[in-house]
Amino acid sequence: MTVTEVAEELRLPVSTVRFWRAQGRGPHFFKVGRRLVCRRSDFEAFVEQLASA
């Protein structure tokens, strides 16, 4: 998933997801070439973590 796709799923601005990434919060992103991506499983684990908090 791209940063934009994560933001769309969470219904948040892209800037919020980028801010979380800079702060070390949010799902784990890594680079594939020049793109930042997140595994669907990492995203789902992050959402579960939010739901249990």
C-alpha atoms as a PDB file:
ATOM      1  CA  MET A   1       0.000   0.000   0.000  1.00  0.00           C
ATOM      2  CA  THR A   2       1.235   3.506  -0.735  1.00  0.00           C
ATOM      3  CA  VAL A   3       1.060   6.425   1.684  1.00  0.00           C
ATOM      4  CA  THR A   4      -1.941   7.727  -0.252  1.00  0.00           C
ATOM      5  CA  GLU A   5      -3.752   4.379  -0.025  1.00  0.00           C
ATOM      6  CA  VAL A   6      -3.143   4.189   3.736  1.00  0.00           C
ATOM      7  CA  ALA A   7      -4.495   7.726   4.147  1.00  0.00           C
ATOM      8  CA  GLU A   8      -7.580   6.868   2.085  1.00  0.00           C
ATOM      9  CA  GLU A   9      -8.265   3.718   4.121  1.00  0.00           C
ATOM     10  CA  LEU A  10      -8.003   5.665   7.384  1.00  0.00           C
ATOM     11  CA  ARG A  11      -9.831   8.684   5.930  1.00  0.00           C
ATOM     12  CA  LEU A  12      -7.001  10.984   6.971  1.00  0.00           C
ATOM     13  CA  PRO A  13      -4.939  13.563   5.110  1.00  0.00           C
ATOM     14  CA  VAL A  14      -1.767  12.228   3.495  1.00  0.00           C
ATOM     15  CA  SER A  15       0.175  14.764   5.564  1.00  0.00           C
ATOM     16  CA  THR A  16      -0.981  13.054   8.778  1.00  0.00           C
ATOM     17  CA  VAL A  17       0.315   9.674   7.624  1.00  0.00           C
ATOM     18  CA  ARG A  18       3.622  11.286   6.604  1.00  0.00           C
ATOM     19  CA  PHE A  19       3.845  13.028   9.994  1.00  0.00           C
ATOM     20  CA  TRP A  20       3.223   9.733  11.800  1.00  0.00           C
ATOM     21  CA  ARG A  21       5.964   8.105   9.720  1.00  0.00           C
ATOM     22  CA  ALA A  22       8.425  10.875  10.587  1.00  0.00           C
ATOM     23  CA  GLN A  23       7.572  10.433  14.271  1.00  0.00           C
ATOM     24  CA  GLY A  24       7.988   6.643  14.113  1.00  0.00           C
ATOM     25  CA  ARG A  25       4.262   6.029  14.598  1.00  0.00           C
ATOM     26  CA  GLY A  26       1.845   4.415  12.196  1.00  0.00           C
ATOM     27  CA  PRO A  27       2.401   1.314  10.086  1.00  0.00           C
ATOM     28  CA  HIS A  28       5.890   0.332   8.936  1.00  0.00           C
ATOM     29  CA  PHE A  29       6.834   1.763   5.529  1.00  0.00           C
ATOM     30  CA  PHE A  30       9.804   0.803   3.395  1.00  0.00           C
ATOM     31  CA  LYS A  31      11.117   1.822   0.000  1.00  0.00           C
ATOM     32  CA  VAL A  32      10.654  -0.159  -3.177  1.00  0.00           C
ATOM     33  CA  GLY A  33      12.666   1.751  -5.721  1.00  0.00           C
ATOM     34  CA  ARG A  34      11.578   5.345  -5.168  1.00  0.00           C
ATOM     35  CA  ARG A  35       8.173   4.528  -3.673  1.00  0.00           C
ATOM     36  CA  LEU A  36       7.247   4.213  -0.033  1.00  0.00           C
ATOM     37  CA  VAL A  37       5.037   1.225   0.575  1.00  0.00           C
ATOM     38  CA  CYS A  38       3.488  -0.626   3.477  1.00  0.00           C
ATOM     39  CA  ARG A  39       2.512  -4.284   3.616  1.00  0.00           C
ATOM     40  CA  ARG A  40      -1.235  -4.875   3.971  1.00  0.00           C
ATOM     41  CA  SER A  41      -0.497  -7.075   7.018  1.00  0.00           C
ATOM     42  CA  ASP A  42       1.464  -4.230   8.693  1.00  0.00           C
ATOM     43  CA  PHE A  43      -1.412  -1.853   7.994  1.00  0.00           C
ATOM     44  CA  GLU A  44      -3.982  -4.268   9.433  1.00  0.00           C
ATOM     45  CA  ALA A  45      -1.840  -4.819  12.544  1.00  0.00           C
ATOM     46  CA  PHE A  46      -1.623  -1.043  13.011  1.00  0.00           C
ATOM     47  CA  VAL A  47      -5.420  -0.704  12.726  1.00  0.00           C
ATOM     48  CA  GLU A  48      -5.885  -3.507  15.269  1.00  0.00           C
ATOM     49  CA  GLN A  49      -3.488  -1.714  17.590  1.00  0.00           C
ATOM     50  CA  LEU A  50      -5.583   1.464  17.261  1.00  0.00           C
ATOM     51  CA  ALA A  51      -8.780  -0.453  17.965  1.00  0.00           C
ATOM     52  CA  SER A  52      -7.390  -2.023  21.130  1.00  0.00           C
ATOM     53  CA  ALA A  53      -6.005   1.241  22.537  1.00  0.00           C
END
